[in-house]
Amino acid sequence: MQLTVNGHEVTVPSTVTNVGELLTHLQLNAELAIVELNRIILDRAVRDNTAIKQDDYIEIVQFVGGG
C-alpha cells in the first residue's frame, strides 16, 4: 500500500491496516507520537485502531527530550 508519511511516499505491507500497526512498522514510539490522518489530528483514544488506506496522507510528530 502506498502512503504519504511526513511528505514522503512510503510503501507498507498490506498487513498494515491501522495507525497503530503503521507506527510499529515504522519503529516509532507510539507513546510519544501525535498523528494527523488526511489533515485531521487523531485523538489518542482512537488513534491506534483508526484504519488507513491506499494514498492516505499521514503526518507523525514525536516529542523528543534534550537539554
PDB file of N, CA and C in Angstrom:
ATOM      1  N   MET A   1       0.852  -1.168   0.000  1.00  0.00           N
ATOM      2  CA  MET A   1       0.000   0.000   0.000  1.00  0.00           C
ATOM      3  C   MET A   1       0.901   1.235   0.000  1.00  0.00           C
ATOM      4  N   GLN A   2       0.531   2.215  -0.804  1.00  0.00           N
ATOM      5  CA  GLN A   2       1.266   3.477  -0.884  1.00  0.00           C
ATOM      6  C   GLN A   2       0.629   4.512   0.035  1.00  0.00           C
ATOM      7  N   LEU A   3       1.448   5.162   0.836  1.00  0.00           N
ATOM      8  CA  LEU A   3       1.018   6.236   1.721  1.00  0.00           C
ATOM      9  C   LEU A   3       1.980   7.400   1.564  1.00  0.00           C
ATOM     10  N   THR A   4       1.546   8.577   1.956  1.00  0.00           N
ATOM     11  CA  THR A   4       2.460   9.704   2.092  1.00  0.00           C
ATOM     12  C   THR A   4       2.619   9.935   3.582  1.00  0.00           C
ATOM     13  N   VAL A   5       3.839   9.750   4.085  1.00  0.00           N
ATOM     14  CA  VAL A   5       4.126   9.914   5.505  1.00  0.00           C
ATOM     15  C   VAL A   5       5.163  11.012   5.650  1.00  0.00           C
ATOM     16  N   ASN A   6       4.784  12.067   6.354  1.00  0.00           N
ATOM     17  CA  ASN A   6       5.652  13.226   6.561  1.00  0.00           C
ATOM     18  C   ASN A   6       6.242  13.732   5.244  1.00  0.00           C
ATOM     19  N   GLY A   7       5.389  13.755   4.209  1.00  0.00           N
ATOM     20  CA  GLY A   7       5.779  14.300   2.920  1.00  0.00           C
ATOM     21  C   GLY A   7       6.534  13.359   2.003  1.00  0.00           C
ATOM     22  N   HIS A   8       6.759  12.117   2.430  1.00  0.00           N
ATOM     23  CA  HIS A   8       7.498  11.147   1.624  1.00  0.00           C
ATOM     24  C   HIS A   8       6.596   9.980   1.239  1.00  0.00           C
ATOM     25  N   GLU A   9       6.725   9.536  -0.009  1.00  0.00           N
ATOM     26  CA  GLU A   9       5.990   8.353  -0.450  1.00  0.00           C
ATOM     27  C   GLU A   9       6.577   7.126   0.246  1.00  0.00           C
ATOM     28  N   VAL A  10       5.706   6.330   0.866  1.00  0.00           N
ATOM     29  CA  VAL A  10       6.135   5.157   1.613  1.00  0.00           C
ATOM     30  C   VAL A  10       5.280   3.972   1.176  1.00  0.00           C
ATOM     31  N   THR A  11       5.919   2.832   1.001  1.00  0.00           N
ATOM     32  CA  THR A  11       5.188   1.600   0.710  1.00  0.00           C
ATOM     33  C   THR A  11       5.205   0.735   1.958  1.00  0.00           C
ATOM     34  N   VAL A  12       4.024   0.313   2.386  1.00  0.00           N
ATOM     35  CA  VAL A  12       3.929  -0.558   3.557  1.00  0.00           C
ATOM     36  C   VAL A  12       3.231  -1.851   3.144  1.00  0.00           C
ATOM     37  N   PRO A  13       3.495  -2.944   3.853  1.00  0.00           N
ATOM     38  CA  PRO A  13       2.844  -4.217   3.525  1.00  0.00           C
ATOM     39  C   PRO A  13       1.324  -4.139   3.712  1.00  0.00           C
ATOM     40  N   SER A  14       0.610  -4.974   3.026  1.00  0.00           N
ATOM     41  CA  SER A  14      -0.851  -4.991   3.122  1.00  0.00           C
ATOM     42  C   SER A  14      -1.336  -5.405   4.511  1.00  0.00           C
ATOM     43  N   THR A  15      -0.449  -5.968   5.316  1.00  0.00           N
ATOM     44  CA  THR A  15      -0.816  -6.360   6.682  1.00  0.00           C
ATOM     45  C   THR A  15      -0.931  -5.157   7.613  1.00  0.00           C
ATOM     46  N   VAL A  16      -0.406  -4.007   7.186  1.00  0.00           N
ATOM     47  CA  VAL A  16      -0.509  -2.776   7.979  1.00  0.00           C
ATOM     48  C   VAL A  16      -1.845  -2.134   7.620  1.00  0.00           C
ATOM     49  N   THR A  17      -2.808  -2.219   8.536  1.00  0.00           N
ATOM     50  CA  THR A  17      -4.164  -1.767   8.219  1.00  0.00           C
ATOM     51  C   THR A  17      -4.663  -0.623   9.090  1.00  0.00           C
ATOM     52  N   ASN A  18      -3.914  -0.283  10.144  1.00  0.00           N
ATOM     53  CA  ASN A  18      -4.347   0.816  11.000  1.00  0.00           C
ATOM     54  C   ASN A  18      -3.137   1.610  11.486  1.00  0.00           C
ATOM     55  N   VAL A  19      -3.407   2.713  12.145  1.00  0.00           N
ATOM     56  CA  VAL A  19      -2.342   3.620  12.562  1.00  0.00           C
ATOM     57  C   VAL A  19      -1.393   2.960  13.559  1.00  0.00           C
ATOM     58  N   GLY A  20      -1.902   2.188  14.487  1.00  0.00           N
ATOM     59  CA  GLY A  20      -1.041   1.506  15.458  1.00  0.00           C
ATOM     60  C   GLY A  20      -0.051   0.583  14.779  1.00  0.00           C
ATOM     61  N   GLU A  21      -0.531  -0.173  13.797  1.00  0.00           N
ATOM     62  CA  GLU A  21       0.357  -1.076  13.054  1.00  0.00           C
ATOM     63  C   GLU A  21       1.375  -0.288  12.230  1.00  0.00           C
ATOM     64  N   LEU A  22       0.967   0.872  11.711  1.00  0.00           N
ATOM     65  CA  LEU A  22       1.899   1.718  10.961  1.00  0.00           C
ATOM     66  C   LEU A  22       3.018   2.225  11.868  1.00  0.00           C
ATOM     67  N   LEU A  23       2.673   2.688  13.057  1.00  0.00           N
ATOM     68  CA  LEU A  23       3.693   3.168  13.994  1.00  0.00           C
ATOM     69  C   LEU A  23       4.674   2.052  14.344  1.00  0.00           C
ATOM     70  N   THR A  24       4.152   0.849  14.553  1.00  0.00           N
ATOM     71  CA  THR A  24       5.019  -0.292  14.838  1.00  0.00           C
ATOM     72  C   THR A  24       5.907  -0.605  13.640  1.00  0.00           C
ATOM     73  N   HIS A  25       5.326  -0.619  12.445  1.00  0.00           N
ATOM     74  CA  HIS A  25       6.089  -0.898  11.222  1.00  0.00           C
ATOM     75  C   HIS A  25       7.217   0.120  11.030  1.00  0.00           C
ATOM     76  N   LEU A  26       6.941   1.374  11.350  1.00  0.00           N
ATOM     77  CA  LEU A  26       7.951   2.435  11.193  1.00  0.00           C
ATOM     78  C   LEU A  26       8.900   2.510  12.390  1.00  0.00           C
ATOM     79  N   GLN A  27       8.704   1.630  13.354  1.00  0.00           N
ATOM     80  CA  GLN A  27       9.515   1.549  14.566  1.00  0.00           C
ATOM     81  C   GLN A  27       9.519   2.870  15.342  1.00  0.00           C
ATOM     82  N   LEU A  28       8.320   3.437  15.492  1.00  0.00           N
ATOM     83  CA  LEU A  28       8.168   4.682  16.232  1.00  0.00           C
ATOM     84  C   LEU A  28       7.515   4.401  17.576  1.00  0.00           C
ATOM     85  N   ASN A  29       7.856   5.204  18.564  1.00  0.00           N
ATOM     86  CA  ASN A  29       7.307   5.068  19.902  1.00  0.00           C
ATOM     87  C   ASN A  29       5.904   5.675  19.922  1.00  0.00           C
ATOM     88  N   ALA A  30       4.896   4.839  19.986  1.00  0.00           N
ATOM     89  CA  ALA A  30       3.504   5.294  19.953  1.00  0.00           C
ATOM     90  C   ALA A  30       3.167   6.201  21.128  1.00  0.00           C
ATOM     91  N   GLU A  31       3.829   6.026  22.247  1.00  0.00           N
ATOM     92  CA  GLU A  31       3.556   6.850  23.427  1.00  0.00           C
ATOM     93  C   GLU A  31       3.910   8.317  23.189  1.00  0.00           C
ATOM     94  N   LEU A  32       4.863   8.567  22.298  1.00  0.00           N
ATOM     95  CA  LEU A  32       5.339   9.927  22.064  1.00  0.00           C
ATOM     96  C   LEU A  32       4.834  10.531  20.760  1.00  0.00           C
ATOM     97  N   ALA A  33       3.964   9.812  20.053  1.00  0.00           N
ATOM     98  CA  ALA A  33       3.563  10.236  18.712  1.00  0.00           C
ATOM     99  C   ALA A  33       2.198  10.921  18.691  1.00  0.00           C
ATOM    100  N   ILE A  34       2.137  11.963  17.890  1.00  0.00           N
ATOM    101  CA  ILE A  34       0.870  12.599  17.536  1.00  0.00           C
ATOM    102  C   ILE A  34       0.693  12.345  16.052  1.00  0.00           C
ATOM    103  N   VAL A  35      -0.498  11.900  15.650  1.00  0.00           N
ATOM    104  CA  VAL A  35      -0.718  11.508  14.258  1.00  0.00           C
ATOM    105  C   VAL A  35      -1.854  12.326  13.659  1.00  0.00           C
ATOM    106  N   GLU A  36      -1.590  12.827  12.455  1.00  0.00           N
ATOM    107  CA  GLU A  36      -2.595  13.525  11.664  1.00  0.00           C
ATOM    108  C   GLU A  36      -2.871  12.662  10.434  1.00  0.00           C
ATOM    109  N   LEU A  37      -4.115  12.318  10.209  1.00  0.00           N
ATOM    110  CA  LEU A  37      -4.513  11.483   9.076  1.00  0.00           C
ATOM    111  C   LEU A  37      -5.406  12.303   8.164  1.00  0.00           C
ATOM    112  N   ASN A  38      -4.935  12.524   6.941  1.00  0.00           N
ATOM    113  CA  ASN A  38      -5.692  13.317   5.969  1.00  0.00           C
ATOM    114  C   ASN A  38      -6.137  14.656   6.564  1.00  0.00           C
ATOM    115  N   ARG A  39      -5.179  15.294   7.235  1.00  0.00           N
ATOM    116  CA  ARG A  39      -5.327  16.637   7.811  1.00  0.00           C
ATOM    117  C   ARG A  39      -6.232  16.717   9.029  1.00  0.00           C
ATOM    118  N   ILE A  40      -6.502  15.573   9.655  1.00  0.00           N
ATOM    119  CA  ILE A  40      -7.279  15.535  10.897  1.00  0.00           C
ATOM    120  C   ILE A  40      -6.412  14.914  11.985  1.00  0.00           C
ATOM    121  N   ILE A  41      -6.206  15.647  13.074  1.00  0.00           N
ATOM    122  CA  ILE A  41      -5.419  15.121  14.194  1.00  0.00           C
ATOM    123  C   ILE A  41      -6.249  14.071  14.909  1.00  0.00           C
ATOM    124  N   LEU A  42      -5.659  12.898  15.075  1.00  0.00           N
ATOM    125  CA  LEU A  42      -6.379  11.781  15.694  1.00  0.00           C
ATOM    126  C   LEU A  42      -6.263  11.834  17.210  1.00  0.00           C
ATOM    127  N   ASP A  43      -7.388  11.658  17.871  1.00  0.00           N
ATOM    128  CA  ASP A  43      -7.409  11.567  19.323  1.00  0.00           C
ATOM    129  C   ASP A  43      -6.690  10.288  19.734  1.00  0.00           C
ATOM    130  N   ARG A  44      -5.875  10.381  20.748  1.00  0.00           N
ATOM    131  CA  ARG A  44      -5.076   9.240  21.201  1.00  0.00           C
ATOM    132  C   ARG A  44      -5.952   8.030  21.558  1.00  0.00           C
ATOM    133  N   ALA A  45      -7.162   8.264  22.027  1.00  0.00           N
ATOM    134  CA  ALA A  45      -8.048   7.171  22.442  1.00  0.00           C
ATOM    135  C   ALA A  45      -8.463   6.282  21.275  1.00  0.00           C
ATOM    136  N   VAL A  46      -8.524   6.825  20.066  1.00  0.00           N
ATOM    137  CA  VAL A  46      -8.957   6.037  18.911  1.00  0.00           C
ATOM    138  C   VAL A  46      -7.861   5.880  17.861  1.00  0.00           C
ATOM    139  N   ARG A  47      -6.750   6.555  18.062  1.00  0.00           N
ATOM    140  CA  ARG A  47      -5.680   6.622  17.061  1.00  0.00           C
ATOM    141  C   ARG A  47      -5.211   5.258  16.585  1.00  0.00           C
ATOM    142  N   ASP A  48      -4.808   4.395  17.481  1.00  0.00           N
ATOM    143  CA  ASP A  48      -4.177   3.134  17.082  1.00  0.00           C
ATOM    144  C   ASP A  48      -5.091   2.229  16.267  1.00  0.00           C
ATOM    145  N   ASN A  49      -6.395   2.300  16.495  1.00  0.00           N
ATOM    146  CA  ASN A  49      -7.330   1.442  15.777  1.00  0.00           C
ATOM    147  C   ASN A  49      -7.935   2.103  14.537  1.00  0.00           C
ATOM    148  N   THR A  50      -7.496   3.326  14.234  1.00  0.00           N
ATOM    149  CA  THR A  50      -8.022   4.029  13.063  1.00  0.00           C
ATOM    150  C   THR A  50      -7.453   3.402  11.792  1.00  0.00           C
ATOM    151  N   ALA A  51      -8.355   3.016  10.892  1.00  0.00           N
ATOM    152  CA  ALA A  51      -7.950   2.352   9.647  1.00  0.00           C
ATOM    153  C   ALA A  51      -7.209   3.319   8.721  1.00  0.00           C
ATOM    154  N   ILE A  52      -6.253   2.767   7.980  1.00  0.00           N
ATOM    155  CA  ILE A  52      -5.576   3.527   6.933  1.00  0.00           C
ATOM    156  C   ILE A  52      -5.818   2.813   5.608  1.00  0.00           C
ATOM    157  N   LYS A  53      -5.729   3.596   4.527  1.00  0.00           N
ATOM    158  CA  LYS A  53      -5.977   3.014   3.206  1.00  0.00           C
ATOM    159  C   LYS A  53      -5.020   3.620   2.189  1.00  0.00           C
ATOM    160  N   GLN A  54      -4.997   3.026   1.028  1.00  0.00           N
ATOM    161  CA  GLN A  54      -4.159   3.462  -0.083  1.00  0.00           C
ATOM    162  C   GLN A  54      -4.259   4.980  -0.262  1.00  0.00           C
ATOM    163  N   ASP A  55      -3.108   5.626  -0.449  1.00  0.00           N
ATOM    164  CA  ASP A  55      -2.999   7.062  -0.750  1.00  0.00           C
ATOM    165  C   ASP A  55      -3.352   7.984   0.405  1.00  0.00           C
ATOM    166  N   ASP A  56      -3.476   7.460   1.636  1.00  0.00           N
ATOM    167  CA  ASP A  56      -3.691   8.349   2.777  1.00  0.00           C
ATOM    168  C   ASP A  56      -2.476   9.243   2.966  1.00  0.00           C
ATOM    169  N   TYR A  57      -2.744  10.441   3.518  1.00  0.00           N
ATOM    170  CA  TYR A  57      -1.707  11.416   3.841  1.00  0.00           C
ATOM    171  C   TYR A  57      -1.580  11.448   5.355  1.00  0.00           C
ATOM    172  N   ILE A  58      -0.382  11.111   5.858  1.00  0.00           N
ATOM    173  CA  ILE A  58      -0.179  10.976   7.299  1.00  0.00           C
ATOM    174  C   ILE A  58       1.009  11.825   7.726  1.00  0.00           C
ATOM    175  N   GLU A  59       0.815  12.592   8.779  1.00  0.00           N
ATOM    176  CA  GLU A  59       1.902  13.335   9.417  1.00  0.00           C
ATOM    177  C   GLU A  59       2.071  12.761  10.808  1.00  0.00           C
ATOM    178  N   ILE A  60       3.304  12.476  11.184  1.00  0.00           N
ATOM    179  CA  ILE A  60       3.599  11.947  12.513  1.00  0.00           C
ATOM    180  C   ILE A  60       4.631  12.860  13.157  1.00  0.00           C
ATOM    181  N   VAL A  61       4.297  13.327  14.343  1.00  0.00           N
ATOM    182  CA  VAL A  61       5.199  14.174  15.117  1.00  0.00           C
ATOM    183  C   VAL A  61       5.509  13.435  16.398  1.00  0.00           C
ATOM    184  N   GLN A  62       6.795  13.390  16.751  1.00  0.00           N
ATOM    185  CA  GLN A  62       7.199  12.748  18.002  1.00  0.00           C
ATOM    186  C   GLN A  62       7.910  13.752  18.871  1.00  0.00           C
ATOM    187  N   PHE A  63       7.601  13.713  20.149  1.00  0.00           N
ATOM    188  CA  PHE A  63       8.300  14.559  21.097  1.00  0.00           C
ATOM    189  C   PHE A  63       9.634  13.901  21.438  1.00  0.00           C
ATOM    190  N   VAL A  64      10.676  14.691  21.504  1.00  0.00           N
ATOM    191  CA  VAL A  64      11.982  14.197  21.907  1.00  0.00           C
ATOM    192  C   VAL A  64      12.535  15.074  23.019  1.00  0.00           C
ATOM    193  N   GLY A  65      13.251  14.456  23.926  1.00  0.00           N
ATOM    194  CA  GLY A  65      13.857  15.182  25.022  1.00  0.00           C
ATOM    195  C   GLY A  65      15.239  15.665  24.633  1.00  0.00           C
ATOM    196  N   GLY A  66      15.673  16.615  25.329  1.00  0.00           N
ATOM    197  CA  GLY A  66      17.015  17.139  25.065  1.00  0.00           C
ATOM    198  C   GLY A  66      17.356  18.170  26.116  1.00  0.00           C
ATOM    199  N   GLY A  67      18.546  18.628  26.007  1.00  0.00           N
ATOM    200  CA  GLY A  67      18.895  19.600  27.024  1.00  0.00           C
ATOM    201  C   GLY A  67      20.077  20.402  26.693  1.00  0.00           C
TER     202      GLY A  67
END
